[in-house]
Structure formats: structure tokens, C-alpha cells
PDB file of N, CA and C in Angstrom:
ATOM      1  N   MET A   1     113.179 105.628  44.238  1.00  0.00           N
ATOM      2  CA  MET A   1     114.018 104.544  44.674  1.00  0.00           C
ATOM      3  C   MET A   1     113.464 103.215  44.139  1.00  0.00           C
ATOM      4  N   LYS A   2     114.350 102.288  43.952  1.00  0.00           N
ATOM      5  CA  LYS A   2     114.013 100.958  43.434  1.00  0.00           C
ATOM      6  C   LYS A   2     114.340  99.892  44.486  1.00  0.00           C
ATOM      7  N   HIS A   3     113.650  98.757  44.387  1.00  0.00           N
ATOM      8  CA  HIS A   3     113.933  97.642  45.298  1.00  0.00           C
ATOM      9  C   HIS A   3     115.423  97.297  45.308  1.00  0.00           C
ATOM     10  N   CYS A   4     116.048  97.296  44.120  1.00  0.00           N
ATOM     11  CA  CYS A   4     117.449  96.865  44.023  1.00  0.00           C
ATOM     12  C   CYS A   4     118.424  97.822  44.700  1.00  0.00           C
ATOM     13  N   GLU A   5     117.958  99.004  45.140  1.00  0.00           N
ATOM     14  CA  GLU A   5     118.802  99.962  45.844  1.00  0.00           C
ATOM     15  C   GLU A   5     118.650  99.854  47.363  1.00  0.00           C
ATOM     16  N   CYS A   6     117.870  98.889  47.795  1.00  0.00           N
ATOM     17  CA  CYS A   6     117.563  98.714  49.215  1.00  0.00           C
ATOM     18  C   CYS A   6     118.579  97.780  49.881  1.00  0.00           C
ATOM     19  N   ALA A   7     118.864  98.048  51.134  1.00  0.00           N
ATOM     20  CA  ALA A   7     119.777  97.194  51.908  1.00  0.00           C
ATOM     21  C   ALA A   7     119.205  95.790  52.102  1.00  0.00           C
ATOM     22  N   ASN A   8     117.892  95.644  51.955  1.00  0.00           N
ATOM     23  CA  ASN A   8     117.241  94.348  52.161  1.00  0.00           C
ATOM     24  C   ASN A   8     117.047  93.558  50.873  1.00  0.00           C
ATOM     25  N   PHE A   9     117.578  94.059  49.761  1.00  0.00           N
ATOM     26  CA  PHE A   9     117.431  93.395  48.471  1.00  0.00           C
ATOM     27  C   PHE A   9     118.541  92.368  48.287  1.00  0.00           C
ATOM     28  N   LEU A  10     118.160  91.155  47.921  1.00  0.00           N
ATOM     29  CA  LEU A  10     119.121  90.082  47.665  1.00  0.00           C
ATOM     30  C   LEU A  10     119.052  89.728  46.181  1.00  0.00           C
ATOM     31  N   HIS A  11     120.131  89.904  45.452  1.00  0.00           N
ATOM     32  CA  HIS A  11     120.152  89.603  44.016  1.00  0.00           C
ATOM     33  C   HIS A  11     120.040  88.093  43.797  1.00  0.00           C
ATOM     34  N   LEU A  12     119.169  87.712  42.884  1.00  0.00           N
ATOM     35  CA  LEU A  12     119.040  86.300  42.515  1.00  0.00           C
ATOM     36  C   LEU A  12     119.641  86.043  41.138  1.00  0.00           C
ATOM     37  N   ASP A  13     119.380  86.930  40.202  1.00  0.00           N
ATOM     38  CA  ASP A  13     119.960  86.848  38.867  1.00  0.00           C
ATOM     39  C   ASP A  13     119.908  88.237  38.240  1.00  0.00           C
ATOM     40  N   CYS A  14     120.103  88.327  36.920  1.00  0.00           N
ATOM     41  CA  CYS A  14     120.184  89.634  36.266  1.00  0.00           C
ATOM     42  C   CYS A  14     118.836  90.325  36.100  1.00  0.00           C
ATOM     43  N   GLU A  15     117.738  89.653  36.414  1.00  0.00           N
ATOM     44  CA  GLU A  15     116.404  90.232  36.242  1.00  0.00           C
ATOM     45  C   GLU A  15     115.653  90.468  37.537  1.00  0.00           C
ATOM     46  N   LYS A  16     115.977  89.717  38.576  1.00  0.00           N
ATOM     47  CA  LYS A  16     115.162  89.789  39.786  1.00  0.00           C
ATOM     48  C   LYS A  16     115.993  89.540  41.044  1.00  0.00           C
ATOM     49  N   GLY A  17     115.340  89.837  42.150  1.00  0.00           N
ATOM     50  CA  GLY A  17     115.930  89.588  43.447  1.00  0.00           C
ATOM     51  C   GLY A  17     114.832  89.267  44.437  1.00  0.00           C
ATOM     52  N   MET A  18     115.189  89.204  45.711  1.00  0.00           N
ATOM     53  CA  MET A  18     114.219  88.905  46.747  1.00  0.00           C
ATOM     54  C   MET A  18     114.362  89.907  47.872  1.00  0.00           C
ATOM     55  N   CYS A  19     113.241  90.301  48.422  1.00  0.00           N
ATOM     56  CA  CYS A  19     113.250  91.148  49.613  1.00  0.00           C
ATOM     57  C   CYS A  19     113.550  90.250  50.803  1.00  0.00           C
ATOM     58  N   ALA A  20     114.582  90.566  51.550  1.00  0.00           N
ATOM     59  CA  ALA A  20     114.960  89.754  52.708  1.00  0.00           C
ATOM     60  C   ALA A  20     113.930  89.841  53.825  1.00  0.00           C
ATOM     61  N   LEU A  21     113.106  90.892  53.820  1.00  0.00           N
ATOM     62  CA  LEU A  21     112.098  91.043  54.867  1.00  0.00           C
ATOM     63  C   LEU A  21     110.800  90.313  54.539  1.00  0.00           C
ATOM     64  N   SER A  22     110.289  90.530  53.317  1.00  0.00           N
ATOM     65  CA  SER A  22     109.004  89.939  52.942  1.00  0.00           C
ATOM     66  C   SER A  22     109.137  88.594  52.238  1.00  0.00           C
ATOM     67  N   LYS A  23     110.341  88.256  51.784  1.00  0.00           N
ATOM     68  CA  LYS A  23     110.633  87.036  51.015  1.00  0.00           C
ATOM     69  C   LYS A  23     109.949  87.028  49.645  1.00  0.00           C
ATOM     70  N   MET A  24     109.492  88.199  49.179  1.00  0.00           N
ATOM     71  CA  MET A  24     108.858  88.312  47.872  1.00  0.00           C
ATOM     72  C   MET A  24     109.909  88.462  46.784  1.00  0.00           C
ATOM     73  N   ILE A  25     109.662  87.876  45.624  1.00  0.00           N
ATOM     74  CA  ILE A  25     110.517  88.046  44.456  1.00  0.00           C
ATOM     75  C   ILE A  25     110.139  89.375  43.817  1.00  0.00           C
ATOM     76  N   VAL A  26     111.131  90.221  43.547  1.00  0.00           N
ATOM     77  CA  VAL A  26     110.883  91.543  42.975  1.00  0.00           C
ATOM     78  C   VAL A  26     111.815  91.769  41.783  1.00  0.00           C
ATOM     79  N   PRO A  27     111.319  92.461  40.742  1.00  0.00           N
ATOM     80  CA  PRO A  27     112.153  92.740  39.579  1.00  0.00           C
ATOM     81  C   PRO A  27     113.181  93.828  39.871  1.00  0.00           C
ATOM     82  N   ILE A  28     114.291  93.788  39.158  1.00  0.00           N
ATOM     83  CA  ILE A  28     115.323  94.810  39.323  1.00  0.00           C
ATOM     84  C   ILE A  28     114.882  96.131  38.718  1.00  0.00           C
ATOM     85  N   ASP A  29     114.216  96.078  37.569  1.00  0.00           N
ATOM     86  CA  ASP A  29     113.697  97.304  36.963  1.00  0.00           C
ATOM     87  C   ASP A  29     112.371  97.005  36.271  1.00  0.00           C
ATOM     88  N   GLY A  30     111.736  98.048  35.758  1.00  0.00           N
ATOM     89  CA  GLY A  30     110.452  97.884  35.096  1.00  0.00           C
ATOM     90  C   GLY A  30     109.302  97.873  36.084  1.00  0.00           C
ATOM     91  N   GLU A  31     108.183  97.320  35.652  1.00  0.00           N
ATOM     92  CA  GLU A  31     106.973  97.273  36.475  1.00  0.00           C
ATOM     93  C   GLU A  31     107.203  96.490  37.762  1.00  0.00           C
ATOM     94  N   GLY A  32     106.797  97.081  38.864  1.00  0.00           N
ATOM     95  CA  GLY A  32     106.936  96.417  40.156  1.00  0.00           C
ATOM     96  C   GLY A  32     108.284  96.603  40.822  1.00  0.00           C
ATOM     97  N   SER A  33     109.139  97.459  40.252  1.00  0.00           N
ATOM     98  CA  SER A  33     110.483  97.623  40.811  1.00  0.00           C
ATOM     99  C   SER A  33     110.605  98.796  41.786  1.00  0.00           C
ATOM    100  N   ASP A  34     109.544  99.581  41.942  1.00  0.00           N
ATOM    101  CA  ASP A  34     109.615 100.698  42.888  1.00  0.00           C
ATOM    102  C   ASP A  34     109.717 100.172  44.319  1.00  0.00           C
ATOM    103  N   ALA A  35     110.478 100.892  45.127  1.00  0.00           N
ATOM    104  CA  ALA A  35     110.726 100.463  46.503  1.00  0.00           C
ATOM    105  C   ALA A  35     109.450 100.501  47.341  1.00  0.00           C
ATOM    106  N   CYS A  36     109.418  99.664  48.334  1.00  0.00           N
ATOM    107  CA  CYS A  36     108.280  99.607  49.251  1.00  0.00           C
ATOM    108  C   CYS A  36     108.502 100.576  50.415  1.00  0.00           C
ATOM    109  N   PRO A  37     107.527 100.745  51.297  1.00  0.00           N
ATOM    110  CA  PRO A  37     107.670 101.663  52.440  1.00  0.00           C
ATOM    111  C   PRO A  37     108.772 101.270  53.424  1.00  0.00           C
ATOM    112  N   ARG A  38     109.234 100.029  53.365  1.00  0.00           N
ATOM    113  CA  ARG A  38     110.295  99.592  54.294  1.00  0.00           C
ATOM    114  C   ARG A  38     111.694  99.775  53.709  1.00  0.00           C
ATOM    115  N   PHE A  39     111.801 100.569  52.666  1.00  0.00           N
ATOM    116  CA  PHE A  39     113.075 100.812  51.987  1.00  0.00           C
ATOM    117  C   PHE A  39     114.120 101.371  52.947  1.00  0.00           C
ATOM    118  N   GLU A  40     115.322 100.811  52.876  1.00  0.00           N
ATOM    119  CA  GLU A  40     116.495 101.320  53.599  1.00  0.00           C
ATOM    120  C   GLU A  40     117.619 101.442  52.582  1.00  0.00           C
ATOM    121  N   GLU A  41     118.282 102.579  52.549  1.00  0.00           N
ATOM    122  CA  GLU A  41     119.366 102.769  51.583  1.00  0.00           C
ATOM    123  C   GLU A  41     120.408 101.670  51.721  1.00  0.00           C
ATOM    124  N   GLY A  42     120.744 101.063  50.586  1.00  0.00           N
ATOM    125  CA  GLY A  42     121.770 100.033  50.566  1.00  0.00           C
ATOM    126  C   GLY A  42     123.165 100.638  50.571  1.00  0.00           C
ATOM    127  N   PHE A  43     124.161  99.802  50.491  1.00  0.00           N
ATOM    128  CA  PHE A  43     125.546 100.258  50.433  1.00  0.00           C
ATOM    129  C   PHE A  43     125.929 100.391  48.964  1.00  0.00           C
ATOM    130  N   MET A  44     125.641 101.559  48.398  1.00  0.00           N
ATOM    131  CA  MET A  44     125.953 101.866  47.001  1.00  0.00           C
ATOM    132  C   MET A  44     126.636 103.220  46.952  1.00  0.00           C
ATOM    133  N   CYS A  45     127.467 103.406  45.949  1.00  0.00           N
ATOM    134  CA  CYS A  45     128.190 104.667  45.807  1.00  0.00           C
ATOM    135  C   CYS A  45     127.252 105.877  45.834  1.00  0.00           C
ATOM    136  N   GLN A  46     126.079 105.755  45.226  1.00  0.00           N
ATOM    137  CA  GLN A  46     125.164 106.889  45.166  1.00  0.00           C
ATOM    138  C   GLN A  46     124.698 107.366  46.543  1.00  0.00           C
ATOM    139  N   PHE A  47     124.826 106.537  47.565  1.00  0.00           N
ATOM    140  CA  PHE A  47     124.422 106.919  48.913  1.00  0.00           C
ATOM    141  C   PHE A  47     125.608 107.345  49.777  1.00  0.00           C
ATOM    142  N   CYS A  48     126.783 107.473  49.169  1.00  0.00           N
ATOM    143  CA  CYS A  48     128.008 107.850  49.888  1.00  0.00           C
ATOM    144  C   CYS A  48     128.273 109.341  49.734  1.00  0.00           C
ATOM    145  N   LYS A  49     128.761 109.963  50.787  1.00  0.00           N
ATOM    146  CA  LYS A  49     129.034 111.403  50.725  1.00  0.00           C
ATOM    147  C   LYS A  49     130.226 111.734  49.822  1.00  0.00           C
ATOM    148  N   HIS A  50     131.037 110.749  49.483  1.00  0.00           N
ATOM    149  CA  HIS A  50     132.195 110.987  48.624  1.00  0.00           C
ATOM    150  C   HIS A  50     131.861 110.905  47.138  1.00  0.00           C
ATOM    151  N   PHE A  51     130.658 110.462  46.802  1.00  0.00           N
ATOM    152  CA  PHE A  51     130.237 110.330  45.404  1.00  0.00           C
ATOM    153  C   PHE A  51     129.574 111.627  44.951  1.00  0.00           C
ATOM    154  N   SER A  52     129.979 112.119  43.777  1.00  0.00           N
ATOM    155  CA  SER A  52     129.402 113.375  43.281  1.00  0.00           C
ATOM    156  C   SER A  52     129.472 113.455  41.758  1.00  0.00           C
ATOM    157  N   ASP A  53     128.802 114.460  41.235  1.00  0.00           N
ATOM    158  CA  ASP A  53     128.855 114.812  39.806  1.00  0.00           C
ATOM    159  C   ASP A  53     128.404 113.680  38.881  1.00  0.00           C
ATOM    160  N   ALA A  54     127.343 112.980  39.248  1.00  0.00           N
ATOM    161  CA  ALA A  54     126.854 111.887  38.402  1.00  0.00           C
ATOM    162  C   ALA A  54     126.213 112.434  37.127  1.00  0.00           C
ATOM    163  N   ASP A  55     126.492 111.793  36.000  1.00  0.00           N
ATOM    164  CA  ASP A  55     125.860 112.189  34.744  1.00  0.00           C
ATOM    165  C   ASP A  55     124.549 111.417  34.578  1.00  0.00           C
ATOM    166  N   LYS A  56     123.912 111.533  33.419  1.00  0.00           N
ATOM    167  CA  LYS A  56     122.620 110.881  33.213  1.00  0.00           C
ATOM    168  C   LYS A  56     122.706 109.357  33.210  1.00  0.00           C
ATOM    169  N   TYR A  57     123.908 108.815  33.103  1.00  0.00           N
ATOM    170  CA  TYR A  57     124.111 107.371  33.124  1.00  0.00           C
ATOM    171  C   TYR A  57     124.509 106.853  34.513  1.00  0.00           C
ATOM    172  N   GLY A  58     124.641 107.755  35.483  1.00  0.00           N
ATOM    173  CA  GLY A  58     125.012 107.363  36.834  1.00  0.00           C
ATOM    174  C   GLY A  58     126.502 107.262  37.065  1.00  0.00           C
ATOM    175  N   ILE A  59     127.298 107.775  36.125  1.00  0.00           N
ATOM    176  CA  ILE A  59     128.751 107.753  36.299  1.00  0.00           C
ATOM    177  C   ILE A  59     129.178 109.092  36.891  1.00  0.00           C
ATOM    178  N   GLY A  60     129.832 109.021  38.036  1.00  0.00           N
ATOM    179  CA  GLY A  60     130.267 110.224  38.728  1.00  0.00           C
ATOM    180  C   GLY A  60     131.680 110.081  39.237  1.00  0.00           C
ATOM    181  N   SER A  61     132.004 110.847  40.255  1.00  0.00           N
ATOM    182  CA  SER A  61     133.353 110.857  40.822  1.00  0.00           C
ATOM    183  C   SER A  61     133.338 110.405  42.270  1.00  0.00           C
ATOM    184  N   CYS A  62     134.346 109.624  42.627  1.00  0.00           N
ATOM    185  CA  CYS A  62     134.567 109.246  44.018  1.00  0.00           C
ATOM    186  C   CYS A  62     135.703 110.108  44.526  1.00  0.00           C
ATOM    187  N   LYS A  63     135.433 110.874  45.576  1.00  0.00           N
ATOM    188  CA  LYS A  63     136.444 111.769  46.137  1.00  0.00           C
ATOM    189  C   LYS A  63     136.887 111.313  47.526  1.00  0.00           C
ATOM    190  N   GLY A  64     136.670 110.037  47.826  1.00  0.00           N
ATOM    191  CA  GLY A  64     136.993 109.513  49.148  1.00  0.00           C
ATOM    192  C   GLY A  64     138.433 109.063  49.319  1.00  0.00           C
ATOM    193  N   TYR A  65     139.154 108.934  48.235  1.00  0.00           N
ATOM    194  CA  TYR A  65     140.546 108.477  48.283  1.00  0.00           C
ATOM    195  C   TYR A  65     141.489 109.598  47.869  1.00  0.00           C
ATOM    196  N   ASP A  66     142.770 109.409  48.065  1.00  0.00           N
ATOM    197  CA  ASP A  66     143.754 110.422  47.694  1.00  0.00           C
ATOM    198  C   ASP A  66     143.652 110.782  46.218  1.00  0.00           C
ATOM    199  N   LYS A  67     143.462 109.786  45.378  1.00  0.00           N
ATOM    200  CA  LYS A  67     143.321 110.002  43.942  1.00  0.00           C
ATOM    201  C   LYS A  67     141.842 109.899  43.573  1.00  0.00           C
ATOM    202  N   GLU A  68     141.282 110.987  43.065  1.00  0.00           N
ATOM    203  CA  GLU A  68     139.887 110.979  42.628  1.00  0.00           C
ATOM    204  C   GLU A  68     139.747 110.089  41.402  1.00  0.00           C
ATOM    205  N   ASN A  69     138.658 109.315  41.342  1.00  0.00           N
ATOM    206  CA  ASN A  69     138.443 108.413  40.228  1.00  0.00           C
ATOM    207  C   ASN A  69     136.961 108.359  39.914  1.00  0.00           C
ATOM    208  N   TRP A  70     136.602 107.815  38.750  1.00  0.00           N
ATOM    209  CA  TRP A  70     135.193 107.694  38.392  1.00  0.00           C
ATOM    210  C   TRP A  70     134.576 106.541  39.169  1.00  0.00           C
ATOM    211  N   ALA A  71     133.276 106.610  39.325  1.00  0.00           N
ATOM    212  CA  ALA A  71     132.535 105.559  40.025  1.00  0.00           C
ATOM    213  C   ALA A  71     131.131 105.484  39.441  1.00  0.00           C
ATOM    214  N   TYR A  72     130.547 104.309  39.492  1.00  0.00           N
ATOM    215  CA  TYR A  72     129.192 104.093  39.016  1.00  0.00           C
ATOM    216  C   TYR A  72     128.247 104.186  40.212  1.00  0.00           C
ATOM    217  N   ALA A  73     127.174 104.955  40.085  1.00  0.00           N
ATOM    218  CA  ALA A  73     126.259 105.219  41.201  1.00  0.00           C
ATOM    219  C   ALA A  73     125.741 103.954  41.863  1.00  0.00           C
ATOM    220  N   GLN A  74     125.406 102.934  41.081  1.00  0.00           N
ATOM    221  CA  GLN A  74     124.831 101.728  41.662  1.00  0.00           C
ATOM    222  C   GLN A  74     125.860 100.639  41.972  1.00  0.00           C
ATOM    223  N   CYS A  75     127.100 101.014  41.977  1.00  0.00           N
ATOM    224  CA  CYS A  75     128.147 100.064  42.344  1.00  0.00           C
ATOM    225  C   CYS A  75     128.003  99.707  43.825  1.00  0.00           C
ATOM    226  N   GLY A  76     128.097  98.441  44.140  1.00  0.00           N
ATOM    227  CA  GLY A  76     128.016  98.002  45.527  1.00  0.00           C
ATOM    228  C   GLY A  76     129.219  98.493  46.317  1.00  0.00           C
ATOM    229  N   ALA A  77     128.960  99.136  47.431  1.00  0.00           N
ATOM    230  CA  ALA A  77     130.037  99.709  48.238  1.00  0.00           C
ATOM    231  C   ALA A  77     130.090  99.100  49.631  1.00  0.00           C
ATOM    232  N   PHE A  78     129.531  97.904  49.797  1.00  0.00           N
ATOM    233  CA  PHE A  78     129.468  97.278  51.119  1.00  0.00           C
ATOM    234  C   PHE A  78     130.830  96.959  51.701  1.00  0.00           C
ATOM    235  N   SER A  79     131.854  96.848  50.864  1.00  0.00           N
ATOM    236  CA  SER A  79     133.189  96.554  51.391  1.00  0.00           C
ATOM    237  C   SER A  79     134.157  97.723  51.198  1.00  0.00           C
ATOM    238  N   CYS A  80     133.640  98.885  50.835  1.00  0.00           N
ATOM    239  CA  CYS A  80     134.494 100.054  50.634  1.00  0.00           C
ATOM    240  C   CYS A  80     134.885 100.654  51.978  1.00  0.00           C
ATOM    241  N   GLU A  81     136.172 100.768  52.211  1.00  0.00           N
ATOM    242  CA  GLU A  81     136.662 101.294  53.491  1.00  0.00           C
ATOM    243  C   GLU A  81     136.396 102.774  53.670  1.00  0.00           C
ATOM    244  N   LYS A  82     136.093 103.490  52.597  1.00  0.00           N
ATOM    245  CA  LYS A  82     135.839 104.931  52.657  1.00  0.00           C
ATOM    246  C   LYS A  82     134.352 105.286  52.615  1.00  0.00           C
ATOM    247  N   PHE A  83     133.466 104.292  52.546  1.00  0.00           N
ATOM    248  CA  PHE A  83     132.030 104.554  52.445  1.00  0.00           C
ATOM    249  C   PHE A  83     131.514 105.280  53.683  1.00  0.00           C
ATOM    250  N   GLU A  84     130.827 106.399  53.438  1.00  0.00           N
ATOM    251  CA  GLU A  84     130.161 107.162  54.513  1.00  0.00           C
ATOM    252  C   GLU A  84     128.811 107.609  53.985  1.00  0.00           C
ATOM    253  N   ARG A  85     127.769 107.348  54.722  1.00  0.00           N
ATOM    254  CA  ARG A  85     126.419 107.760  54.301  1.00  0.00           C
ATOM    255  C   ARG A  85     126.332 109.277  54.184  1.00  0.00           C
ATOM    256  N   LYS A  86     125.541 109.703  53.213  1.00  0.00           N
ATOM    257  CA  LYS A  86     125.297 111.153  53.052  1.00  0.00           C
ATOM    258  C   LYS A  86     124.521 111.677  54.225  1.00  0.00           C
TER     259      LYS A  86
END
């Protein structure tokens, strides 16, 4: 897991964000991007029970709606009406 996949991660720009708990600046990827012990799954498609069949790029299927469609694993799902944790 990465910091940017945490519910407590706040995006600042395309390279970094901030932990809402520790107030530390953390990178989105690369060195120092691994999640800390206080990690909580964020609202992303990859954590939804309707998301499946992801390929190596994180593109999978959303089966939560009447019409199945593709979805990106790290897409923010905080406002998705069909989001359900796995």
C-alpha cells in the first residue's frame, strides 16, 4: 500500500501530498511512498467490491451499475453512489 491510497492522504500536487494525521509531506510514489502503520483504505475503486479483473495497469471492470464499464483502480470513488468496501 502507498500513502496516496490512504483515506488520510491529502493531495497537494502531482508529486506529493500530506498526511492529515501527522501533517507530514509524503511523496505519491517512489522512495518514502509506502504507507505507514496508520494506513486506512481510501475511497478508491480498487477497494470496492464491484471492481474486478484489473490488468497490470490497474484498469478493470466496475460491475456496480446496470451497465458494466471499465474503471481505473486508483480512481477516487468518494462520491460514487455504488461504492461498497470489499
